């Protein structure tokens, strides 16, 4: 089927587009809404040429210049050659039907649109400069972003039980104290962080690489439903957009920018979480990394961050809060200890190494629970691993 490129006038004067834009944002400038929606359809995430043009001219006039109708390229705004290449990218997507579909699809799923001047816009994204999103498609309660402490927690999709346990403990403790937990909605560490925040009645925000109307991964459909009830699901690409590899990488910059600090709980040597950590470092955000067993490939990326990127070693929520300057609160003395830890310690010997399976039999705990607790106790120096198994530290 032959397609034609719509003009700026066709995009911003289309009655169906304007009515849909007004329904999405009834008390806002409808031209601004339509123009930023159009840019969201035209560009791939993080397009710096589009960002520079919008910053110089505003979204509506920038759209006219971009589609070659009226106006001149502002001197020094963008290099002419790069602008010409960008126009070649944008024009095939300048279709009024795509703009209508984006707006209608958002309405169909009960979504809304956030713009940079909005009260609930996550202003940390402004630090991305010309690479900041032109708009955010949202589902959930945007008010959770108002004047709240935020932390980004990311890590491996193929996480270990140790990693998921630590992510859950840190995210749950932070969320219980009023911090909004930000992550990417993926399997593994992301999912553990979101679930822990929800589990304590806290708030959490998921930045997606695809449209907010589609769950990716599909196995997290119920998790995204829960997030929308107590938090927010966000994306810079319109409804219906597929989560491509590039969009995942671009999405990571928003996760890093939206948090006051970024914490990597578990990551392989070449994990995508290191991409998020790199964005955090470039933005000047504090960066924390949770250590793991030196023999674990799942923690190699965290150890790399600690060694090469000046990340701070963090092992609990109090140490994470220190990343943004919040003083640690002295713990309340207590004699209460979780019974699973007591049972595991009773099953250990200080002289004879014991395997996880043997410890599970002696303690009456599952093997997975034993391994998770051993990892925590090892960090605390209460157990050590030797050839043949685990020992209780002296």
Protein backbone atom coordinates (compact mmCIF):
# COMPACT_ATOMS: atom_id res chain seq x y z
CA UNK A 1 0.00 0.00 0.00
CA UNK A 2 1.36 3.40 -0.96
CA UNK A 3 1.95 5.76 1.92
CA UNK A 4 2.25 9.53 1.84
CA UNK A 5 4.00 11.87 4.21
CA UNK A 6 1.66 14.13 6.16
CA UNK A 7 2.53 17.79 6.59
CA UNK A 8 2.76 19.68 9.85
CA UNK A 9 -0.61 21.28 9.12
CA UNK A 10 -2.20 17.88 8.51
CA UNK A 11 -0.76 16.53 11.76
CA UNK A 12 -1.68 19.46 14.00
CA UNK A 13 -4.92 20.61 12.38
CA UNK A 14 -6.56 17.23 12.03
CA UNK A 15 -9.87 17.42 13.94
CA UNK A 16 -9.64 13.83 15.14
CA UNK A 17 -6.12 14.40 16.45
CA UNK A 18 -7.11 17.59 18.23
CA UNK A 19 -10.18 16.03 19.85
CA UNK A 20 -8.14 13.05 21.06
CA UNK A 21 -5.37 15.33 22.38
CA UNK A 22 -7.91 17.41 24.28
CA UNK A 23 -9.47 14.31 25.84
CA UNK A 24 -6.04 13.12 27.00
CA UNK A 25 -5.14 16.54 28.47
CA UNK A 26 -8.39 18.53 28.88
CA UNK A 27 -6.84 21.57 30.58
CA UNK A 28 -3.67 21.82 28.53
CA UNK A 29 -2.61 23.57 25.31
CA UNK A 30 -3.98 21.22 22.67
CA UNK A 31 -1.40 22.29 20.06
CA UNK A 32 1.46 21.56 22.45
CA UNK A 33 -0.05 18.15 23.24
CA UNK A 34 -0.57 17.28 19.57
CA UNK A 35 2.89 18.50 18.57
CA UNK A 36 4.74 16.54 21.25
CA UNK A 37 2.64 13.48 20.47
CA UNK A 38 3.62 13.86 16.82
CA UNK A 39 7.29 14.06 17.75
CA UNK A 40 6.89 10.94 19.90
CA UNK A 41 5.60 9.12 16.81
CA UNK A 42 8.28 10.54 14.48
CA UNK A 43 11.48 9.89 16.40
CA UNK A 44 13.28 7.03 18.06
CA UNK A 45 14.12 7.50 21.77
CA UNK A 46 16.95 9.87 22.57
CA UNK A 47 17.07 11.61 19.17
CA UNK A 48 19.34 14.56 19.95
CA UNK A 49 18.65 16.39 16.67
CA UNK A 50 14.94 16.46 17.44
CA UNK A 51 15.67 17.53 21.01
CA UNK A 52 17.89 20.41 19.90
CA UNK A 53 15.34 21.59 17.33
CA UNK A 54 12.47 21.50 19.85
CA UNK A 55 14.59 23.36 22.42
CA UNK A 56 15.33 26.08 19.88
CA UNK A 57 11.88 26.52 18.31
CA UNK A 58 9.27 24.79 20.45
CA UNK A 59 7.57 21.55 19.38
CA UNK A 60 5.04 22.96 16.88
CA UNK A 61 7.38 25.24 14.91
CA UNK A 62 10.14 22.62 15.09
CA UNK A 63 7.74 20.14 13.49
CA UNK A 64 7.09 22.54 10.61
CA UNK A 65 10.83 23.00 10.01
CA UNK A 66 11.47 19.28 10.34
CA UNK A 67 8.94 18.45 7.63
CA UNK A 68 10.39 21.09 5.34
CA UNK A 69 7.33 23.35 5.12
CA UNK A 70 8.09 26.73 6.65
CA UNK A 71 10.76 28.44 8.63
CA UNK A 72 14.52 28.21 8.55
CA UNK A 73 16.88 26.04 10.52
CA UNK A 74 18.06 28.19 13.48
CA UNK A 75 21.73 29.07 13.13
CA UNK A 76 23.87 26.81 15.31
CA UNK A 77 20.94 24.71 16.52
CA UNK A 78 21.93 21.56 14.65
CA UNK A 79 24.52 20.83 11.93
CA UNK A 80 22.83 21.06 8.49
CA UNK A 81 24.12 17.67 7.33
CA UNK A 82 22.86 15.90 10.46
CA UNK A 83 19.56 17.72 10.14
CA UNK A 84 19.14 16.48 6.57
CA UNK A 85 19.86 12.91 7.68
CA UNK A 86 17.34 13.29 10.50
CA UNK A 87 14.66 14.56 8.11
CA UNK A 88 15.14 11.43 6.02
CA UNK A 89 14.48 9.37 9.17
CA UNK A 90 11.43 11.33 10.29
CA UNK A 91 9.48 11.83 7.06
CA UNK A 92 8.44 8.18 6.53
CA UNK A 93 6.77 8.28 9.95
CA UNK A 94 4.92 11.57 9.39
CA UNK A 95 1.53 9.92 8.98
CA UNK A 96 -1.58 11.44 10.51
CA UNK A 97 -3.09 7.96 10.83
CA UNK A 98 -0.22 6.86 13.08
CA UNK A 99 -0.74 9.94 15.24
CA UNK A 100 -4.48 9.25 15.57
CA UNK A 101 -3.79 5.60 16.42
CA UNK A 102 -1.28 6.54 19.13
CA UNK A 103 -3.75 8.88 20.81
CA UNK A 104 -6.73 6.54 20.54
CA UNK A 105 -4.74 3.54 21.79
CA UNK A 106 -3.64 5.49 24.85
CA UNK A 107 -7.25 6.43 25.60
CA UNK A 108 -8.41 2.84 25.08
CA UNK A 109 -6.15 1.56 27.88
CA UNK A 110 -6.91 4.44 30.24
CA UNK A 111 -3.50 6.02 29.75
CA UNK A 112 -2.40 9.64 29.82
CA UNK A 113 0.40 11.81 28.53
CA UNK A 114 3.03 13.64 30.57
CA UNK A 115 4.88 16.64 29.13
CA UNK A 116 8.03 18.34 30.47
CA UNK A 117 6.13 21.32 31.92
CA UNK A 118 3.74 19.11 33.92
CA UNK A 119 3.71 19.05 37.71
CA UNK A 120 4.38 15.31 37.83
CA UNK A 121 7.04 15.18 35.13
CA UNK A 122 10.12 13.35 36.53
CA UNK A 123 12.45 16.33 36.40
CA UNK A 124 15.56 14.20 36.71
CA UNK A 125 15.00 13.45 33.01
CA UNK A 126 15.75 17.10 32.21
CA UNK A 127 19.41 16.37 32.95
CA UNK A 128 19.46 14.36 29.71
CA UNK A 129 19.40 17.65 27.80
CA UNK A 130 18.56 17.29 24.10
CA UNK A 131 18.33 13.52 24.62
CA UNK A 132 15.45 13.83 27.11
CA UNK A 133 12.12 12.30 26.02
CA UNK A 134 9.77 14.69 24.21
CA UNK A 135 6.80 13.19 26.12
CA UNK A 136 5.96 10.23 28.33
CA UNK A 137 3.05 7.85 27.84
CA UNK A 138 1.78 6.74 31.22
CA UNK A 139 -0.57 4.34 32.97
CA UNK A 140 -1.12 4.62 36.70
CA UNK A 141 -0.87 7.43 39.22
CA UNK A 142 1.61 10.10 38.14
CA UNK A 143 1.30 11.77 41.56
CA UNK A 144 3.69 9.16 42.99
CA UNK A 145 6.50 11.19 41.38
CA UNK A 146 5.69 14.38 43.30
CA UNK A 147 8.48 15.46 45.65
CA UNK A 148 9.54 11.93 46.50
CA UNK A 149 12.92 10.36 47.03
CA UNK A 150 13.62 7.97 44.16
CA UNK A 151 16.13 5.19 43.64
CA UNK A 152 16.80 3.09 40.55
CA UNK A 153 17.45 -0.60 41.21
CA UNK A 154 18.56 -2.74 38.29
CA UNK A 155 20.33 -6.00 37.63
CA UNK A 156 20.47 -9.27 35.77
CA UNK A 157 17.46 -10.90 34.17
CA UNK A 158 18.98 -14.32 34.87
CA UNK A 159 19.36 -13.48 38.55
CA UNK A 160 20.29 -15.97 41.24
CA UNK A 161 18.22 -16.55 44.37
CA UNK A 162 20.88 -14.58 46.26
CA UNK A 163 20.49 -11.60 43.93
CA UNK A 164 16.71 -11.61 44.05
CA UNK A 165 16.76 -11.91 47.83
CA UNK A 166 19.11 -8.93 48.24
CA UNK A 167 17.17 -6.86 45.70
CA UNK A 168 13.95 -7.61 47.57
CA UNK A 169 15.40 -6.69 50.95
CA UNK A 170 16.88 -3.40 49.75
CA UNK A 171 13.86 -2.36 47.67
CA UNK A 172 11.38 -3.34 50.38
CA UNK A 173 13.22 -1.45 53.12
CA UNK A 174 13.58 1.66 50.94
CA UNK A 175 9.95 1.59 49.82
CA UNK A 176 8.72 1.10 53.38
CA UNK A 177 10.57 4.31 54.27
CA UNK A 178 8.85 6.32 51.54
CA UNK A 179 11.34 5.97 48.68
CA UNK A 180 9.92 5.28 45.22
CA UNK A 181 11.65 2.31 43.60
CA UNK A 182 12.36 2.70 39.86
CA UNK A 183 13.26 -0.18 37.56
CA UNK A 184 12.64 -1.63 34.11
CA UNK A 185 9.99 -4.30 34.66
CA UNK A 186 12.21 -7.15 33.41
CA UNK A 187 12.60 -10.63 34.85
CA UNK A 188 15.13 -11.15 37.64
CA UNK A 189 16.34 -8.20 39.71
CA UNK A 190 13.88 -5.68 38.20
CA UNK A 191 10.89 -7.85 39.03
CA UNK A 192 12.16 -8.59 42.53
CA UNK A 193 12.58 -4.86 43.24
CA UNK A 194 9.09 -3.99 41.97
CA UNK A 195 7.43 -6.83 43.89
CA UNK A 196 9.21 -5.99 47.13
CA UNK A 197 8.15 -2.34 46.93
CA UNK A 198 4.55 -3.36 46.32
CA UNK A 199 4.74 -5.97 49.06
CA UNK A 200 5.36 -3.37 51.76
CA UNK A 201 2.69 -1.00 50.46
CA UNK A 202 5.24 1.29 48.81
CA UNK A 203 5.34 2.88 45.37
CA UNK A 204 7.26 1.78 42.30
CA UNK A 205 7.71 3.02 38.72
CA UNK A 206 8.51 0.85 35.68
CA UNK A 207 10.08 2.37 32.56
CA UNK A 208 9.28 0.21 29.53
CA UNK A 209 11.07 -0.13 26.19
CA UNK A 210 7.77 -0.67 24.34
CA UNK A 211 4.32 0.86 24.55
CA UNK A 212 2.54 0.99 27.91
CA UNK A 213 -0.37 -0.92 26.40
CA UNK A 214 1.67 -4.10 26.00
CA UNK A 215 3.33 -6.15 28.71
CA UNK A 216 6.91 -7.13 28.01
CA UNK A 217 7.89 -9.60 29.22
CA UNK A 218 4.42 -11.12 28.90
CA UNK A 219 5.00 -13.12 32.06
CA UNK A 220 4.92 -9.86 34.03
CA UNK A 221 1.41 -8.88 32.93
CA UNK A 222 0.05 -9.29 36.47
CA UNK A 223 3.03 -7.43 37.92
CA UNK A 224 2.41 -4.46 35.61
CA UNK A 225 -1.26 -4.51 36.61
CA UNK A 226 -0.19 -4.28 40.27
CA UNK A 227 2.31 -1.52 39.55
CA UNK A 228 -0.41 0.59 37.94
CA UNK A 229 -2.54 0.36 41.09
CA UNK A 230 0.18 1.74 43.41
CA UNK A 231 2.62 3.35 41.05
CA UNK A 232 3.25 4.15 37.43
CA UNK A 233 4.22 2.52 34.14
CA UNK A 234 6.00 4.88 31.72
CA UNK A 235 7.36 4.81 28.18
CA UNK A 236 8.58 7.42 25.71
CA UNK A 237 7.34 5.42 22.72
CA UNK A 238 3.61 5.46 21.86
CA UNK A 239 1.16 2.65 22.51
CA UNK A 240 1.65 -0.30 20.18
CA UNK A 241 5.41 0.29 19.80
CA UNK A 242 7.52 -2.85 20.04
CA UNK A 243 10.39 -3.16 22.55
CA UNK A 244 13.44 -3.36 20.28
CA UNK A 245 17.05 -3.80 21.37
CA UNK A 246 17.81 -0.13 20.72
CA UNK A 247 14.80 0.97 22.75
CA UNK A 248 15.94 -1.12 25.70
CA UNK A 249 19.33 0.60 25.64
CA UNK A 250 17.72 4.04 25.27
CA UNK A 251 15.24 3.24 28.05
CA UNK A 252 18.15 2.69 30.44
CA UNK A 253 19.13 6.36 30.31
CA UNK A 254 15.70 7.31 31.72
CA UNK A 255 15.97 4.80 34.56
CA UNK A 256 19.34 6.29 35.51
CA UNK A 257 18.15 9.90 35.20
CA UNK A 258 14.90 9.44 37.12
CA UNK A 259 16.60 8.07 40.26
CA UNK A 260 18.56 10.06 42.81
CA UNK A 261 20.97 7.11 42.77
CA UNK A 262 21.34 3.87 40.82
CA UNK A 263 22.02 0.53 42.50
CA UNK A 264 23.13 -2.54 40.53
CA UNK A 265 22.35 -5.65 42.54
CA UNK A 266 23.59 -8.41 40.27
CA UNK A 267 25.05 -8.19 36.75
CA UNK A 268 27.19 -10.26 34.42
CA UNK A 269 30.39 -8.96 32.88
CA UNK A 270 28.53 -7.60 29.83
CA UNK A 271 25.12 -7.08 31.41
CA UNK A 272 22.77 -4.40 30.08
CA UNK A 273 22.64 -3.12 33.66
CA UNK A 274 26.16 -1.77 33.13
CA UNK A 275 24.69 0.42 30.39
CA UNK A 276 22.32 1.92 32.99
CA UNK A 277 25.23 2.34 35.39
CA UNK A 278 27.20 4.15 32.68
CA UNK A 279 24.35 6.60 32.15
CA UNK A 280 24.15 7.20 35.91
CA UNK A 281 27.88 7.91 36.06
CA UNK A 282 27.70 10.29 33.08
CA UNK A 283 24.83 12.15 34.75
CA UNK A 284 26.74 12.46 38.00
CA UNK A 285 24.28 10.26 39.87
CA UNK A 286 25.65 8.26 42.81
CA UNK A 287 26.26 4.64 41.80
CA UNK A 288 26.09 1.66 44.14
CA UNK A 289 26.87 -1.99 43.50
CA UNK A 290 26.07 -5.04 45.61
CA UNK A 291 28.97 -7.50 45.87
CA UNK A 292 28.51 -11.22 45.43
CA UNK A 293 30.63 -14.36 45.56
CA UNK A 294 33.83 -13.85 43.58
CA UNK A 295 33.15 -17.16 41.86
CA UNK A 296 29.71 -16.06 40.64
CA UNK A 297 29.50 -14.95 36.99
CA UNK A 298 26.23 -13.24 37.91
CA UNK A 299 28.13 -10.77 40.12
CA UNK A 300 31.11 -10.16 37.81
CA UNK A 301 29.57 -6.94 36.50
CA UNK A 302 29.05 -5.56 40.01
CA UNK A 303 32.66 -6.32 40.89
CA UNK A 304 33.70 -4.59 37.68
CA UNK A 305 31.73 -1.48 38.71
CA UNK A 306 33.42 -1.51 42.12
CA UNK A 307 36.87 -1.93 40.59
CA UNK A 308 36.70 0.22 37.45
CA UNK A 309 33.86 2.71 37.83
CA UNK A 310 34.20 3.94 41.42
CA UNK A 311 30.87 2.47 42.43
CA UNK A 312 30.16 2.37 46.17
CA UNK A 313 29.77 -1.02 47.83
CA UNK A 314 26.25 -1.27 49.26
CA UNK A 315 24.71 -4.21 51.11
CA UNK A 316 21.52 -2.82 52.64
CA UNK A 317 18.99 0.00 52.44
CA UNK A 318 20.79 2.20 54.98
CA UNK A 319 23.95 2.17 52.85
CA UNK A 320 21.90 2.98 49.74
CA UNK A 321 20.38 6.02 51.47
CA UNK A 322 23.89 7.25 52.18
CA UNK A 323 24.45 7.51 48.42
CA UNK A 324 22.30 10.64 48.26
CA UNK A 325 23.45 12.00 51.60
CA UNK A 326 20.75 10.69 53.90
CA UNK A 327 22.27 9.93 57.28
CA UNK A 328 22.05 6.35 58.41
CA UNK A 329 19.65 5.73 61.28
CA UNK A 330 21.11 3.81 64.19
CA UNK A 331 19.44 0.41 64.48
CA UNK A 332 17.21 -0.25 67.46
CA UNK A 333 18.80 -2.89 69.72
CA UNK A 334 16.87 -6.12 69.53
CA UNK A 335 17.24 -9.71 70.62
CA UNK A 336 14.80 -10.95 67.98
CA UNK A 337 16.28 -12.90 65.07
CA UNK A 338 14.55 -14.58 62.18
CA UNK A 339 14.03 -18.26 63.10
CA UNK A 340 15.34 -19.46 59.73
CA UNK A 341 18.73 -17.93 60.49
CA UNK A 342 18.80 -19.59 63.89
CA UNK A 343 17.90 -22.97 62.40
CA UNK A 344 20.52 -22.65 59.68
CA UNK A 345 23.22 -21.64 62.16
CA UNK A 346 22.32 -24.60 64.38
CA UNK A 347 22.76 -26.94 61.40
CA UNK A 348 26.29 -25.70 60.70
CA UNK A 349 29.52 -26.91 62.23
CA UNK A 350 32.59 -24.84 63.01
CA UNK A 351 34.88 -27.78 62.13
CA UNK A 352 33.17 -30.00 59.53
CA UNK A 353 32.19 -28.42 56.18
CA UNK A 354 28.64 -29.25 55.15
CA UNK A 355 26.98 -29.07 51.72
CA UNK A 356 23.77 -27.10 51.16
CA UNK A 357 21.71 -30.29 50.84
CA UNK A 358 23.04 -31.64 54.14
CA UNK A 359 22.34 -28.31 55.85
CA UNK A 360 18.80 -28.33 54.43
CA UNK A 361 18.16 -31.79 55.89
CA UNK A 362 19.50 -30.80 59.30
CA UNK A 363 17.66 -27.45 59.47
CA UNK A 364 14.37 -28.44 57.88
CA UNK A 365 14.68 -25.56 55.38
CA UNK A 366 14.51 -25.80 51.59
CA UNK A 367 17.77 -25.97 49.67
CA UNK A 368 16.97 -22.64 47.95
CA UNK A 369 16.32 -20.96 51.30
CA UNK A 370 19.56 -22.38 52.68
CA UNK A 371 21.57 -21.04 49.74
CA UNK A 372 19.96 -17.61 50.03
CA UNK A 373 20.68 -17.39 53.77
CA UNK A 374 24.23 -18.66 53.33
CA UNK A 375 24.89 -15.81 50.91
CA UNK A 376 23.63 -13.26 53.42
CA UNK A 377 25.51 -14.79 56.34
CA UNK A 378 28.68 -14.93 54.25
CA UNK A 379 28.43 -11.17 53.64
CA UNK A 380 28.04 -10.67 57.39
CA UNK A 381 31.08 -12.86 58.11
CA UNK A 382 29.10 -15.48 60.03
CA UNK A 383 29.85 -18.35 57.65
CA UNK A 384 32.70 -19.26 55.34
CA UNK A 385 32.87 -21.57 52.36
CA UNK A 386 35.59 -24.19 52.15
CA UNK A 387 36.26 -27.15 49.93
CA UNK A 388 33.53 -29.59 50.82
CA UNK A 389 30.94 -27.12 52.03
CA UNK A 390 30.14 -24.38 54.55
CA UNK A 391 31.47 -23.71 58.05
CA UNK A 392 30.16 -21.57 60.87
CA UNK A 393 32.69 -18.81 61.52
CA UNK A 394 34.40 -18.86 64.89
